[in-house]
Amino acid sequence: MNSSVRLWLCWASLMVLSLGTVWSGAAGVVVLLAMVKGWVIVDGFMELRHGPWKWRVAMLGWGLVVLAGIVGLSA
């Protein structure tokens, strides 16, 4: 797939996910969609899909760390 087409698809999916967060309003759905958006950004825009696995794990793991912090603070 052409890289510009891939970027357009990433952008379009981010727009759809953003609209989903606005329309749903439920906290759990918003957090889940934010995690998916982070994954699209890391793999699509940052192109870490084929990058060093340590960077990819660190970037994708950061979302889980933030999620754990939010859950820990709200409990």
PDB file of N, CA and C in Angstrom:
ATOM      1  N   MET A   1       0.844  -1.173   0.000  1.00  0.00           N
ATOM      2  CA  MET A   1       0.000   0.000   0.000  1.00  0.00           C
ATOM      3  C   MET A   1       0.890   1.238   0.000  1.00  0.00           C
ATOM      4  N   ASN A   2       0.492   2.217  -0.751  1.00  0.00           N
ATOM      5  CA  ASN A   2       1.219   3.476  -0.835  1.00  0.00           C
ATOM      6  C   ASN A   2       1.218   4.160   0.537  1.00  0.00           C
ATOM      7  N   SER A   3       2.342   4.805   0.878  1.00  0.00           N
ATOM      8  CA  SER A   3       2.439   5.417   2.209  1.00  0.00           C
ATOM      9  C   SER A   3       1.457   6.571   2.386  1.00  0.00           C
ATOM     10  N   SER A   4       1.179   7.313   1.320  1.00  0.00           N
ATOM     11  CA  SER A   4       0.217   8.408   1.463  1.00  0.00           C
ATOM     12  C   SER A   4      -1.199   7.868   1.662  1.00  0.00           C
ATOM     13  N   VAL A   5      -1.515   6.756   1.027  1.00  0.00           N
ATOM     14  CA  VAL A   5      -2.827   6.130   1.234  1.00  0.00           C
ATOM     15  C   VAL A   5      -2.937   5.631   2.671  1.00  0.00           C
ATOM     16  N   ARG A   6      -1.856   5.045   3.184  1.00  0.00           N
ATOM     17  CA  ARG A   6      -1.855   4.563   4.565  1.00  0.00           C
ATOM     18  C   ARG A   6      -2.063   5.721   5.541  1.00  0.00           C
ATOM     19  N   LEU A   7      -1.419   6.851   5.278  1.00  0.00           N
ATOM     20  CA  LEU A   7      -1.594   8.007   6.156  1.00  0.00           C
ATOM     21  C   LEU A   7      -3.019   8.542   6.104  1.00  0.00           C
ATOM     22  N   TRP A   8      -3.603   8.562   4.918  1.00  0.00           N
ATOM     23  CA  TRP A   8      -4.997   9.006   4.808  1.00  0.00           C
ATOM     24  C   TRP A   8      -5.928   8.069   5.564  1.00  0.00           C
ATOM     25  N   LEU A   9      -5.671   6.757   5.482  1.00  0.00           N
ATOM     26  CA  LEU A   9      -6.496   5.801   6.217  1.00  0.00           C
ATOM     27  C   LEU A   9      -6.326   5.969   7.723  1.00  0.00           C
ATOM     28  N   CYS A  10      -5.105   6.224   8.161  1.00  0.00           N
ATOM     29  CA  CYS A  10      -4.865   6.489   9.586  1.00  0.00           C
ATOM     30  C   CYS A  10      -5.607   7.739  10.020  1.00  0.00           C
ATOM     31  N   TRP A  11      -5.519   8.778   9.227  1.00  0.00           N
ATOM     32  CA  TRP A  11      -6.199  10.030   9.559  1.00  0.00           C
ATOM     33  C   TRP A  11      -7.709   9.818   9.624  1.00  0.00           C
ATOM     34  N   ALA A  12      -8.258   9.112   8.636  1.00  0.00           N
ATOM     35  CA  ALA A  12      -9.702   8.867   8.611  1.00  0.00           C
ATOM     36  C   ALA A  12     -10.139   8.029   9.811  1.00  0.00           C
ATOM     37  N   SER A  13      -9.343   7.025  10.162  1.00  0.00           N
ATOM     38  CA  SER A  13      -9.707   6.212  11.326  1.00  0.00           C
ATOM     39  C   SER A  13      -9.622   7.024  12.609  1.00  0.00           C
ATOM     40  N   LEU A  14      -8.663   7.935  12.707  1.00  0.00           N
ATOM     41  CA  LEU A  14      -8.581   8.797  13.888  1.00  0.00           C
ATOM     42  C   LEU A  14      -9.784   9.729  13.972  1.00  0.00           C
ATOM     43  N   MET A  15     -10.258  10.208  12.838  1.00  0.00           N
ATOM     44  CA  MET A  15     -11.445  11.064  12.847  1.00  0.00           C
ATOM     45  C   MET A  15     -12.678  10.279  13.294  1.00  0.00           C
ATOM     46  N   VAL A  16     -12.826   9.062  12.788  1.00  0.00           N
ATOM     47  CA  VAL A  16     -13.968   8.228  13.182  1.00  0.00           C
ATOM     48  C   VAL A  16     -13.896   7.896  14.669  1.00  0.00           C
ATOM     49  N   LEU A  17     -12.703   7.554  15.156  1.00  0.00           N
ATOM     50  CA  LEU A  17     -12.549   7.248  16.581  1.00  0.00           C
ATOM     51  C   LEU A  17     -12.822   8.474  17.445  1.00  0.00           C
ATOM     52  N   SER A  18     -12.407   9.641  16.981  1.00  0.00           N
ATOM     53  CA  SER A  18     -12.680  10.871  17.732  1.00  0.00           C
ATOM     54  C   SER A  18     -14.174  11.155  17.798  1.00  0.00           C
ATOM     55  N   LEU A  19     -14.860  10.957  16.689  1.00  0.00           N
ATOM     56  CA  LEU A  19     -16.314  11.132  16.700  1.00  0.00           C
ATOM     57  C   LEU A  19     -16.982  10.112  17.613  1.00  0.00           C
ATOM     58  N   GLY A  20     -16.427   8.902  17.652  1.00  0.00           N
ATOM     59  CA  GLY A  20     -16.967   7.880  18.547  1.00  0.00           C
ATOM     60  C   GLY A  20     -16.839   8.261  20.003  1.00  0.00           C
ATOM     61  N   THR A  21     -15.742   8.913  20.360  1.00  0.00           N
ATOM     62  CA  THR A  21     -15.593   9.342  21.753  1.00  0.00           C
ATOM     63  C   THR A  21     -16.588  10.441  22.098  1.00  0.00           C
ATOM     64  N   VAL A  22     -16.858  11.320  21.154  1.00  0.00           N
ATOM     65  CA  VAL A  22     -17.810  12.404  21.403  1.00  0.00           C
ATOM     66  C   VAL A  22     -19.227  11.851  21.505  1.00  0.00           C
ATOM     67  N   TRP A  23     -19.584  10.951  20.606  1.00  0.00           N
ATOM     68  CA  TRP A  23     -20.944  10.435  20.583  1.00  0.00           C
ATOM     69  C   TRP A  23     -21.238   9.490  21.738  1.00  0.00           C
ATOM     70  N   SER A  24     -20.240   8.708  22.175  1.00  0.00           N
ATOM     71  CA  SER A  24     -20.530   7.723  23.221  1.00  0.00           C
ATOM     72  C   SER A  24     -20.668   8.387  24.584  1.00  0.00           C
ATOM     73  N   GLY A  25     -19.678   9.152  24.972  1.00  0.00           N
ATOM     74  CA  GLY A  25     -19.729   9.833  26.256  1.00  0.00           C
ATOM     75  C   GLY A  25     -19.458   8.946  27.450  1.00  0.00           C
ATOM     76  N   ALA A  26     -19.554   7.636  27.314  1.00  0.00           N
ATOM     77  CA  ALA A  26     -19.292   6.724  28.422  1.00  0.00           C
ATOM     78  C   ALA A  26     -17.787   6.665  28.688  1.00  0.00           C
ATOM     79  N   ALA A  27     -17.418   6.745  29.945  1.00  0.00           N
ATOM     80  CA  ALA A  27     -15.999   6.842  30.306  1.00  0.00           C
ATOM     81  C   ALA A  27     -15.203   5.633  29.832  1.00  0.00           C
ATOM     82  N   GLY A  28     -15.754   4.446  29.977  1.00  0.00           N
ATOM     83  CA  GLY A  28     -15.036   3.242  29.554  1.00  0.00           C
ATOM     84  C   GLY A  28     -14.795   3.207  28.058  1.00  0.00           C
ATOM     85  N   VAL A  29     -15.788   3.610  27.294  1.00  0.00           N
ATOM     86  CA  VAL A  29     -15.658   3.636  25.834  1.00  0.00           C
ATOM     87  C   VAL A  29     -14.653   4.694  25.411  1.00  0.00           C
ATOM     88  N   VAL A  30     -14.677   5.834  26.071  1.00  0.00           N
ATOM     89  CA  VAL A  30     -13.738   6.911  25.744  1.00  0.00           C
ATOM     90  C   VAL A  30     -12.303   6.457  25.988  1.00  0.00           C
ATOM     91  N   VAL A  31     -12.065   5.784  27.110  1.00  0.00           N
ATOM     92  CA  VAL A  31     -10.712   5.301  27.419  1.00  0.00           C
ATOM     93  C   VAL A  31     -10.291   4.231  26.420  1.00  0.00           C
ATOM     94  N   LEU A  32     -11.189   3.323  26.083  1.00  0.00           N
ATOM     95  CA  LEU A  32     -10.868   2.278  25.114  1.00  0.00           C
ATOM     96  C   LEU A  32     -10.541   2.877  23.750  1.00  0.00           C
ATOM     97  N   LEU A  33     -11.339   3.828  23.299  1.00  0.00           N
ATOM     98  CA  LEU A  33     -11.078   4.458  22.005  1.00  0.00           C
ATOM     99  C   LEU A  33      -9.793   5.276  22.031  1.00  0.00           C
ATOM    100  N   ALA A  34      -9.462   5.857  23.167  1.00  0.00           N
ATOM    101  CA  ALA A  34      -8.194   6.580  23.283  1.00  0.00           C
ATOM    102  C   ALA A  34      -7.013   5.622  23.155  1.00  0.00           C
ATOM    103  N   MET A  35      -7.142   4.426  23.708  1.00  0.00           N
ATOM    104  CA  MET A  35      -6.076   3.428  23.574  1.00  0.00           C
ATOM    105  C   MET A  35      -5.921   2.998  22.111  1.00  0.00           C
ATOM    106  N   VAL A  36      -7.039   2.814  21.433  1.00  0.00           N
ATOM    107  CA  VAL A  36      -6.990   2.435  20.016  1.00  0.00           C
ATOM    108  C   VAL A  36      -6.375   3.561  19.190  1.00  0.00           C
ATOM    109  N   LYS A  37      -6.723   4.803  19.512  1.00  0.00           N
ATOM    110  CA  LYS A  37      -6.136   5.940  18.798  1.00  0.00           C
ATOM    111  C   LYS A  37      -4.628   5.995  19.015  1.00  0.00           C
ATOM    112  N   GLY A  38      -4.178   5.718  20.223  1.00  0.00           N
ATOM    113  CA  GLY A  38      -2.741   5.680  20.491  1.00  0.00           C
ATOM    114  C   GLY A  38      -2.048   4.612  19.667  1.00  0.00           C
ATOM    115  N   TRP A  39      -2.689   3.464  19.525  1.00  0.00           N
ATOM    116  CA  TRP A  39      -2.132   2.381  18.726  1.00  0.00           C
ATOM    117  C   TRP A  39      -2.037   2.790  17.254  1.00  0.00           C
ATOM    118  N   VAL A  40      -3.078   3.455  16.735  1.00  0.00           N
ATOM    119  CA  VAL A  40      -3.057   3.914  15.340  1.00  0.00           C
ATOM    120  C   VAL A  40      -1.945   4.938  15.138  1.00  0.00           C
ATOM    121  N   ILE A  41      -1.760   5.826  16.091  1.00  0.00           N
ATOM    122  CA  ILE A  41      -0.711   6.844  15.972  1.00  0.00           C
ATOM    123  C   ILE A  41       0.667   6.204  15.985  1.00  0.00           C
ATOM    124  N   VAL A  42       0.889   5.259  16.910  1.00  0.00           N
ATOM    125  CA  VAL A  42       2.205   4.615  17.012  1.00  0.00           C
ATOM    126  C   VAL A  42       2.507   3.804  15.763  1.00  0.00           C
ATOM    127  N   ASP A  43       1.557   2.994  15.313  1.00  0.00           N
ATOM    128  CA  ASP A  43       1.819   2.135  14.157  1.00  0.00           C
ATOM    129  C   ASP A  43       1.685   2.862  12.827  1.00  0.00           C
ATOM    130  N   GLY A  44       0.794   3.838  12.748  1.00  0.00           N
ATOM    131  CA  GLY A  44       0.544   4.502  11.476  1.00  0.00           C
ATOM    132  C   GLY A  44       1.408   5.711  11.240  1.00  0.00           C
ATOM    133  N   PHE A  45       1.237   6.735  12.069  1.00  0.00           N
ATOM    134  CA  PHE A  45       1.956   7.985  11.843  1.00  0.00           C
ATOM    135  C   PHE A  45       3.428   7.889  12.231  1.00  0.00           C
ATOM    136  N   MET A  46       3.712   7.231  13.356  1.00  0.00           N
ATOM    137  CA  MET A  46       5.108   7.122  13.790  1.00  0.00           C
ATOM    138  C   MET A  46       5.841   5.993  13.065  1.00  0.00           C
ATOM    139  N   GLU A  47       5.086   5.153  12.351  1.00  0.00           N
ATOM    140  CA  GLU A  47       5.613   4.046  11.550  1.00  0.00           C
ATOM    141  C   GLU A  47       6.509   3.119  12.357  1.00  0.00           C
ATOM    142  N   LEU A  48       6.106   2.831  13.581  1.00  0.00           N
ATOM    143  CA  LEU A  48       6.862   1.889  14.398  1.00  0.00           C
ATOM    144  C   LEU A  48       6.424   0.447  14.176  1.00  0.00           C
ATOM    145  N   ARG A  49       5.512   0.233  13.239  1.00  0.00           N
ATOM    146  CA  ARG A  49       5.074  -1.119  12.912  1.00  0.00           C
ATOM    147  C   ARG A  49       6.261  -1.974  12.477  1.00  0.00           C
ATOM    148  N   HIS A  50       7.178  -1.371  11.744  1.00  0.00           N
ATOM    149  CA  HIS A  50       8.357  -2.092  11.270  1.00  0.00           C
ATOM    150  C   HIS A  50       9.630  -1.580  11.936  1.00  0.00           C
ATOM    151  N   GLY A  51       9.476  -0.812  12.986  1.00  0.00           N
ATOM    152  CA  GLY A  51      10.625  -0.243  13.686  1.00  0.00           C
ATOM    153  C   GLY A  51      11.162  -1.188  14.744  1.00  0.00           C
ATOM    154  N   PRO A  52      12.111  -0.700  15.519  1.00  0.00           N
ATOM    155  CA  PRO A  52      12.671  -1.514  16.602  1.00  0.00           C
ATOM    156  C   PRO A  52      11.581  -1.897  17.609  1.00  0.00           C
ATOM    157  N   TRP A  53      11.560  -3.165  17.986  1.00  0.00           N
ATOM    158  CA  TRP A  53      10.490  -3.650  18.854  1.00  0.00           C
ATOM    159  C   TRP A  53      10.526  -3.002  20.229  1.00  0.00           C
ATOM    160  N   LYS A  54      11.690  -2.607  20.701  1.00  0.00           N
ATOM    161  CA  LYS A  54      11.766  -1.969  22.020  1.00  0.00           C
ATOM    162  C   LYS A  54      11.045  -0.625  22.017  1.00  0.00           C
ATOM    163  N   TRP A  55      11.210   0.127  20.941  1.00  0.00           N
ATOM    164  CA  TRP A  55      10.515   1.413  20.845  1.00  0.00           C
ATOM    165  C   TRP A  55       9.008   1.203  20.751  1.00  0.00           C
ATOM    166  N   ARG A  56       8.623   0.207  19.978  1.00  0.00           N
ATOM    167  CA  ARG A  56       7.190  -0.055  19.809  1.00  0.00           C
ATOM    168  C   ARG A  56       6.562  -0.490  21.128  1.00  0.00           C
ATOM    169  N   VAL A  57       7.233  -1.384  21.849  1.00  0.00           N
ATOM    170  CA  VAL A  57       6.717  -1.826  23.147  1.00  0.00           C
ATOM    171  C   VAL A  57       6.651  -0.657  24.119  1.00  0.00           C
ATOM    172  N   ALA A  58       7.674   0.196  24.116  1.00  0.00           N
ATOM    173  CA  ALA A  58       7.686   1.347  25.024  1.00  0.00           C
ATOM    174  C   ALA A  58       6.544   2.307  24.704  1.00  0.00           C
ATOM    175  N   MET A  59       6.323   2.576  23.439  1.00  0.00           N
ATOM    176  CA  MET A  59       5.283   3.535  23.064  1.00  0.00           C
ATOM    177  C   MET A  59       3.880   2.972  23.296  1.00  0.00           C
ATOM    178  N   LEU A  60       3.667   1.700  22.958  1.00  0.00           N
ATOM    179  CA  LEU A  60       2.355   1.104  23.190  1.00  0.00           C
ATOM    180  C   LEU A  60       2.126   0.839  24.675  1.00  0.00           C
ATOM    181  N   GLY A  61       3.192   0.536  25.400  1.00  0.00           N
ATOM    182  CA  GLY A  61       3.074   0.295  26.835  1.00  0.00           C
ATOM    183  C   GLY A  61       2.772   1.549  27.625  1.00  0.00           C
ATOM    184  N   TRP A  62       3.159   2.693  27.093  1.00  0.00           N
ATOM    185  CA  TRP A  62       2.909   3.947  27.805  1.00  0.00           C
ATOM    186  C   TRP A  62       1.409   4.174  28.009  1.00  0.00           C
ATOM    187  N   GLY A  63       0.614   3.834  27.022  1.00  0.00           N
ATOM    188  CA  GLY A  63      -0.833   3.958  27.172  1.00  0.00           C
ATOM    189  C   GLY A  63      -1.366   3.082  28.296  1.00  0.00           C
ATOM    190  N   LEU A  64      -0.804   1.896  28.432  1.00  0.00           N
ATOM    191  CA  LEU A  64      -1.220   1.015  29.525  1.00  0.00           C
ATOM    192  C   LEU A  64      -0.792   1.565  30.875  1.00  0.00           C
ATOM    193  N   VAL A  65       0.381   2.189  30.931  1.00  0.00           N
ATOM    194  CA  VAL A  65       0.844   2.801  32.180  1.00  0.00           C
ATOM    195  C   VAL A  65      -0.085   3.945  32.581  1.00  0.00           C
ATOM    196  N   VAL A  66      -0.449   4.768  31.627  1.00  0.00           N
ATOM    197  CA  VAL A  66      -1.363   5.880  31.913  1.00  0.00           C
ATOM    198  C   VAL A  66      -2.724   5.346  32.355  1.00  0.00           C
ATOM    199  N   LEU A  67      -3.217   4.320  31.677  1.00  0.00           N
ATOM    200  CA  LEU A  67      -4.496   3.718  32.053  1.00  0.00           C
ATOM    201  C   LEU A  67      -4.438   3.158  33.471  1.00  0.00           C
ATOM    202  N   ALA A  68      -3.361   2.465  33.807  1.00  0.00           N
ATOM    203  CA  ALA A  68      -3.213   1.922  35.162  1.00  0.00           C
ATOM    204  C   ALA A  68      -3.167   3.042  36.194  1.00  0.00           C
ATOM    205  N   GLY A  69      -2.513   4.146  35.858  1.00  0.00           N
ATOM    206  CA  GLY A  69      -2.472   5.282  36.774  1.00  0.00           C
ATOM    207  C   GLY A  69      -3.836   5.899  36.995  1.00  0.00           C
ATOM    208  N   ILE A  70      -4.607   6.017  35.934  1.00  0.00           N
ATOM    209  CA  ILE A  70      -5.956   6.580  36.058  1.00  0.00           C
ATOM    210  C   ILE A  70      -6.844   5.667  36.899  1.00  0.00           C
ATOM    211  N   VAL A  71      -6.775   4.371  36.627  1.00  0.00           N
ATOM    212  CA  VAL A  71      -7.582   3.422  37.397  1.00  0.00           C
ATOM    213  C   VAL A  71      -7.135   3.411  38.854  1.00  0.00           C
ATOM    214  N   GLY A  72      -5.824   3.468  39.076  1.00  0.00           N
ATOM    215  CA  GLY A  72      -5.311   3.473  40.442  1.00  0.00           C
ATOM    216  C   GLY A  72      -5.717   4.709  41.221  1.00  0.00           C
ATOM    217  N   LEU A  73      -5.732   5.852  40.568  1.00  0.00           N
ATOM    218  CA  LEU A  73      -6.114   7.085  41.253  1.00  0.00           C
ATOM    219  C   LEU A  73      -7.619   7.181  41.492  1.00  0.00           C
ATOM    220  N   SER A  74      -8.394   6.555  40.620  1.00  0.00           N
ATOM    221  CA  SER A  74      -9.842   6.650  40.778  1.00  0.00           C
ATOM    222  C   SER A  74     -10.399   5.601  41.735  1.00  0.00           C
ATOM    223  N   ALA A  75      -9.607   4.604  42.075  1.00  0.00           N
ATOM    224  CA  ALA A  75     -10.093   3.532  42.976  1.00  0.00           C
ATOM    225  C   ALA A  75     -10.026   3.934  44.426  1.00  0.00           C
TER     226      ALA A  75
END
